[in-house]
Amino acid sequence: MNKRVEDLEFRWSDTNQSHELVQWVQYEEGQTRPTNEYCFVIAFFREGSEGCNIEFVGNRPFRYENRDRLWGLMRYGQRIVDSESELKILL
């Protein structure tokens, strides 16, 4: 259940084997790359013994300017991972 809202995206990462929240950034003009944007991880959603935890990467969440968007997408992500955990218990 990937969800992108402007420059933030909640998604599953095969590389990290976890859900993550990433920020997309545009390349500056003059750089030659196959695509014009890249992303970096702001937070991971990791399963723990008491449910799923949000693990921040450094101070990235505190540097993000639109706090309503950030917290909204973190709430969305938390609902998704909590639902998936609950489903695993039922199956």
N, C-alpha and C. Protein backbone atom coordinates (compact mmCIF):
# COMPACT_ATOMS: atom_id res chain seq x y z
N MET A 1 0.82 -1.18 0.00
CA MET A 1 0.00 0.00 0.00
C MET A 1 0.87 1.25 0.00
N ASN A 2 1.55 1.48 -1.07
CA ASN A 2 2.36 2.69 -1.18
C ASN A 2 1.44 3.90 -1.26
N LYS A 3 1.88 4.99 -0.67
CA LYS A 3 1.11 6.23 -0.71
C LYS A 3 2.08 7.38 -0.81
N ARG A 4 1.95 8.16 -1.87
CA ARG A 4 2.80 9.34 -2.04
C ARG A 4 1.95 10.59 -1.95
N VAL A 5 2.39 11.54 -1.14
CA VAL A 5 1.74 12.84 -1.00
C VAL A 5 2.82 13.89 -1.24
N GLU A 6 2.75 14.50 -2.40
CA GLU A 6 3.75 15.47 -2.86
C GLU A 6 5.15 14.87 -2.77
N ASP A 7 6.01 15.35 -1.85
CA ASP A 7 7.39 14.87 -1.83
C ASP A 7 7.64 13.78 -0.78
N LEU A 8 6.60 13.30 -0.09
CA LEU A 8 6.74 12.21 0.88
C LEU A 8 6.06 10.95 0.36
N GLU A 9 6.65 9.80 0.70
CA GLU A 9 6.05 8.53 0.30
C GLU A 9 6.23 7.49 1.40
N PHE A 10 5.13 6.82 1.73
CA PHE A 10 5.16 5.64 2.59
C PHE A 10 5.18 4.45 1.64
N ARG A 11 6.10 3.51 1.86
CA ARG A 11 6.22 2.39 0.93
C ARG A 11 6.90 1.20 1.60
N TRP A 12 6.81 0.05 0.94
CA TRP A 12 7.54 -1.14 1.35
C TRP A 12 8.86 -1.14 0.60
N SER A 13 9.94 -1.48 1.31
CA SER A 13 11.26 -1.55 0.68
C SER A 13 11.74 -2.99 0.70
N ASP A 14 11.93 -3.59 -0.48
CA ASP A 14 12.52 -4.92 -0.56
C ASP A 14 13.96 -4.91 -0.07
N THR A 15 14.65 -3.81 -0.33
CA THR A 15 16.05 -3.69 0.09
C THR A 15 16.18 -3.74 1.60
N ASN A 16 15.36 -2.98 2.31
CA ASN A 16 15.43 -2.90 3.77
C ASN A 16 14.50 -3.88 4.48
N GLN A 17 13.66 -4.56 3.70
CA GLN A 17 12.68 -5.50 4.26
C GLN A 17 11.84 -4.87 5.36
N SER A 18 11.38 -3.66 5.11
CA SER A 18 10.50 -2.97 6.06
C SER A 18 9.75 -1.87 5.32
N HIS A 19 8.71 -1.37 5.97
CA HIS A 19 8.04 -0.18 5.46
C HIS A 19 8.92 1.01 5.82
N GLU A 20 8.85 2.04 4.99
CA GLU A 20 9.66 3.23 5.24
C GLU A 20 8.94 4.46 4.75
N LEU A 21 9.35 5.58 5.28
CA LEU A 21 8.86 6.89 4.85
C LEU A 21 10.04 7.60 4.21
N VAL A 22 9.88 7.97 2.95
CA VAL A 22 10.98 8.62 2.23
C VAL A 22 10.57 10.00 1.75
N GLN A 23 11.58 10.83 1.53
CA GLN A 23 11.36 12.15 0.95
C GLN A 23 12.01 12.17 -0.42
N TRP A 24 11.25 12.63 -1.41
CA TRP A 24 11.75 12.77 -2.77
C TRP A 24 12.28 14.18 -2.97
N VAL A 25 13.42 14.28 -3.65
CA VAL A 25 14.09 15.56 -3.88
C VAL A 25 14.45 15.66 -5.36
N GLN A 26 14.24 16.83 -5.91
CA GLN A 26 14.59 17.08 -7.32
C GLN A 26 16.09 17.34 -7.45
N TYR A 27 16.69 16.81 -8.53
CA TYR A 27 18.08 17.14 -8.84
C TYR A 27 18.17 18.59 -9.24
N GLU A 28 19.29 19.20 -8.94
CA GLU A 28 19.53 20.56 -9.39
C GLU A 28 19.81 20.56 -10.88
N GLU A 29 19.53 21.67 -11.51
CA GLU A 29 19.79 21.78 -12.95
C GLU A 29 21.27 21.58 -13.24
N GLY A 30 21.54 20.98 -14.38
CA GLY A 30 22.92 20.77 -14.78
C GLY A 30 23.45 19.38 -14.42
N GLN A 31 22.78 18.70 -13.50
CA GLN A 31 23.21 17.35 -13.17
C GLN A 31 22.64 16.39 -14.21
N THR A 32 23.45 15.43 -14.62
CA THR A 32 22.98 14.47 -15.61
C THR A 32 22.74 13.14 -14.93
N ARG A 33 21.49 12.76 -14.83
CA ARG A 33 21.07 11.50 -14.21
C ARG A 33 19.95 10.91 -15.06
N PRO A 34 19.70 9.59 -14.92
CA PRO A 34 18.61 8.98 -15.69
C PRO A 34 17.24 9.53 -15.30
N THR A 35 17.05 9.95 -14.08
CA THR A 35 15.79 10.52 -13.62
C THR A 35 16.08 11.85 -12.96
N ASN A 36 15.07 12.67 -12.76
CA ASN A 36 15.34 13.99 -12.19
C ASN A 36 15.06 14.07 -10.70
N GLU A 37 14.85 12.92 -10.03
CA GLU A 37 14.66 12.96 -8.59
C GLU A 37 15.26 11.74 -7.92
N TYR A 38 15.51 11.86 -6.65
CA TYR A 38 16.01 10.76 -5.83
C TYR A 38 15.30 10.85 -4.48
N CYS A 39 15.44 9.80 -3.67
CA CYS A 39 14.80 9.82 -2.37
C CYS A 39 15.77 9.39 -1.29
N PHE A 40 15.44 9.77 -0.06
CA PHE A 40 16.18 9.29 1.10
C PHE A 40 15.20 8.98 2.21
N VAL A 41 15.58 8.04 3.07
CA VAL A 41 14.68 7.54 4.12
C VAL A 41 14.64 8.54 5.28
N ILE A 42 13.43 8.86 5.71
CA ILE A 42 13.22 9.69 6.90
C ILE A 42 12.99 8.80 8.11
N ALA A 43 12.24 7.69 7.92
CA ALA A 43 11.92 6.81 9.04
C ALA A 43 11.61 5.40 8.54
N PHE A 44 11.90 4.42 9.39
CA PHE A 44 11.54 3.03 9.14
C PHE A 44 10.42 2.63 10.08
N PHE A 45 9.56 1.73 9.63
CA PHE A 45 8.52 1.14 10.48
C PHE A 45 8.97 -0.29 10.74
N ARG A 46 9.43 -0.56 11.96
CA ARG A 46 10.02 -1.86 12.30
C ARG A 46 9.13 -2.62 13.28
N GLU A 47 8.97 -3.92 13.00
CA GLU A 47 8.20 -4.76 13.91
C GLU A 47 9.02 -5.05 15.15
N GLY A 48 8.37 -4.92 16.31
CA GLY A 48 9.01 -5.22 17.57
C GLY A 48 8.13 -6.17 18.38
N SER A 49 8.53 -6.46 19.57
CA SER A 49 7.77 -7.40 20.41
C SER A 49 6.43 -6.83 20.87
N GLU A 50 6.30 -5.51 20.85
CA GLU A 50 5.06 -4.88 21.30
C GLU A 50 4.34 -4.15 20.16
N GLY A 51 4.57 -4.57 18.95
CA GLY A 51 3.95 -3.93 17.80
C GLY A 51 5.00 -3.30 16.92
N CYS A 52 4.55 -2.39 16.08
CA CYS A 52 5.45 -1.76 15.12
C CYS A 52 5.93 -0.42 15.66
N ASN A 53 7.21 -0.15 15.51
CA ASN A 53 7.83 1.08 15.99
C ASN A 53 8.30 1.92 14.80
N ILE A 54 8.26 3.23 14.99
CA ILE A 54 8.82 4.14 13.99
C ILE A 54 10.23 4.50 14.44
N GLU A 55 11.18 4.26 13.55
CA GLU A 55 12.60 4.52 13.86
C GLU A 55 13.08 5.63 12.93
N PHE A 56 13.37 6.79 13.49
CA PHE A 56 13.82 7.93 12.70
C PHE A 56 15.27 7.74 12.25
N VAL A 57 15.59 8.32 11.11
CA VAL A 57 16.97 8.35 10.63
C VAL A 57 17.54 9.72 10.97
N GLY A 58 18.40 9.74 11.97
CA GLY A 58 19.00 11.00 12.40
C GLY A 58 17.95 12.04 12.76
N ASN A 59 18.19 13.27 12.37
CA ASN A 59 17.25 14.35 12.68
C ASN A 59 16.40 14.74 11.47
N ARG A 60 16.33 13.87 10.47
CA ARG A 60 15.60 14.19 9.24
C ARG A 60 14.14 14.59 9.48
N PRO A 61 13.38 13.92 10.37
CA PRO A 61 12.00 14.36 10.56
C PRO A 61 11.91 15.79 11.13
N PHE A 62 12.89 16.19 11.89
CA PHE A 62 12.86 17.52 12.50
C PHE A 62 13.24 18.61 11.51
N ARG A 63 13.90 18.23 10.41
CA ARG A 63 14.27 19.20 9.38
C ARG A 63 13.18 19.38 8.34
N TYR A 64 12.22 18.45 8.30
CA TYR A 64 11.15 18.52 7.29
C TYR A 64 10.21 19.67 7.63
N GLU A 65 9.92 20.53 6.66
CA GLU A 65 9.19 21.77 6.93
C GLU A 65 7.69 21.60 7.14
N ASN A 66 7.03 20.73 6.39
CA ASN A 66 5.58 20.59 6.48
C ASN A 66 5.24 19.49 7.49
N ARG A 67 5.14 19.87 8.76
CA ARG A 67 4.92 18.89 9.83
C ARG A 67 3.56 18.20 9.73
N ASP A 68 2.52 18.92 9.25
CA ASP A 68 1.20 18.29 9.10
C ASP A 68 1.26 17.15 8.09
N ARG A 69 1.93 17.36 6.97
CA ARG A 69 2.07 16.31 5.97
C ARG A 69 2.87 15.14 6.52
N LEU A 70 3.98 15.45 7.20
CA LEU A 70 4.83 14.40 7.76
C LEU A 70 4.06 13.55 8.76
N TRP A 71 3.41 14.19 9.74
CA TRP A 71 2.68 13.45 10.77
C TRP A 71 1.48 12.72 10.17
N GLY A 72 0.83 13.31 9.19
CA GLY A 72 -0.29 12.65 8.54
C GLY A 72 0.13 11.35 7.86
N LEU A 73 1.26 11.38 7.16
CA LEU A 73 1.74 10.19 6.47
C LEU A 73 2.30 9.16 7.46
N MET A 74 2.88 9.63 8.56
CA MET A 74 3.33 8.69 9.59
C MET A 74 2.13 7.99 10.23
N ARG A 75 1.05 8.73 10.49
CA ARG A 75 -0.18 8.12 11.04
C ARG A 75 -0.75 7.10 10.05
N TYR A 76 -0.78 7.46 8.77
CA TYR A 76 -1.26 6.55 7.74
C TYR A 76 -0.41 5.27 7.74
N GLY A 77 0.90 5.43 7.73
CA GLY A 77 1.80 4.27 7.73
C GLY A 77 1.62 3.40 8.96
N GLN A 78 1.45 4.03 10.11
CA GLN A 78 1.27 3.27 11.34
C GLN A 78 -0.02 2.44 11.28
N ARG A 79 -1.07 3.00 10.71
CA ARG A 79 -2.33 2.25 10.56
C ARG A 79 -2.13 1.04 9.64
N ILE A 80 -1.39 1.22 8.57
CA ILE A 80 -1.14 0.12 7.63
C ILE A 80 -0.36 -1.00 8.31
N VAL A 81 0.75 -0.67 8.97
CA VAL A 81 1.57 -1.71 9.57
C VAL A 81 0.85 -2.37 10.76
N ASP A 82 0.06 -1.60 11.51
CA ASP A 82 -0.72 -2.20 12.61
C ASP A 82 -1.76 -3.17 12.04
N SER A 83 -2.41 -2.80 10.94
CA SER A 83 -3.40 -3.68 10.31
C SER A 83 -2.75 -4.95 9.80
N GLU A 84 -1.58 -4.84 9.19
CA GLU A 84 -0.87 -6.02 8.68
C GLU A 84 -0.46 -6.93 9.83
N SER A 85 0.00 -6.35 10.95
CA SER A 85 0.38 -7.15 12.11
C SER A 85 -0.82 -7.88 12.67
N GLU A 86 -1.95 -7.19 12.75
CA GLU A 86 -3.18 -7.81 13.26
C GLU A 86 -3.63 -8.96 12.35
N LEU A 87 -3.51 -8.76 11.04
CA LEU A 87 -3.89 -9.80 10.09
C LEU A 87 -3.01 -11.03 10.24
N LYS A 88 -1.71 -10.83 10.46
CA LYS A 88 -0.78 -11.96 10.66
C LYS A 88 -1.20 -12.81 11.85
N ILE A 89 -1.67 -12.16 12.92
CA ILE A 89 -2.11 -12.88 14.12
C ILE A 89 -3.35 -13.71 13.81
N LEU A 90 -4.26 -13.16 13.02
CA LEU A 90 -5.52 -13.85 12.72
C LEU A 90 -5.33 -15.03 11.78
N LEU A 91 -4.32 -14.96 10.93
CA LEU A 91 -4.11 -16.04 9.94
C LEU A 91 -3.26 -17.09 10.54
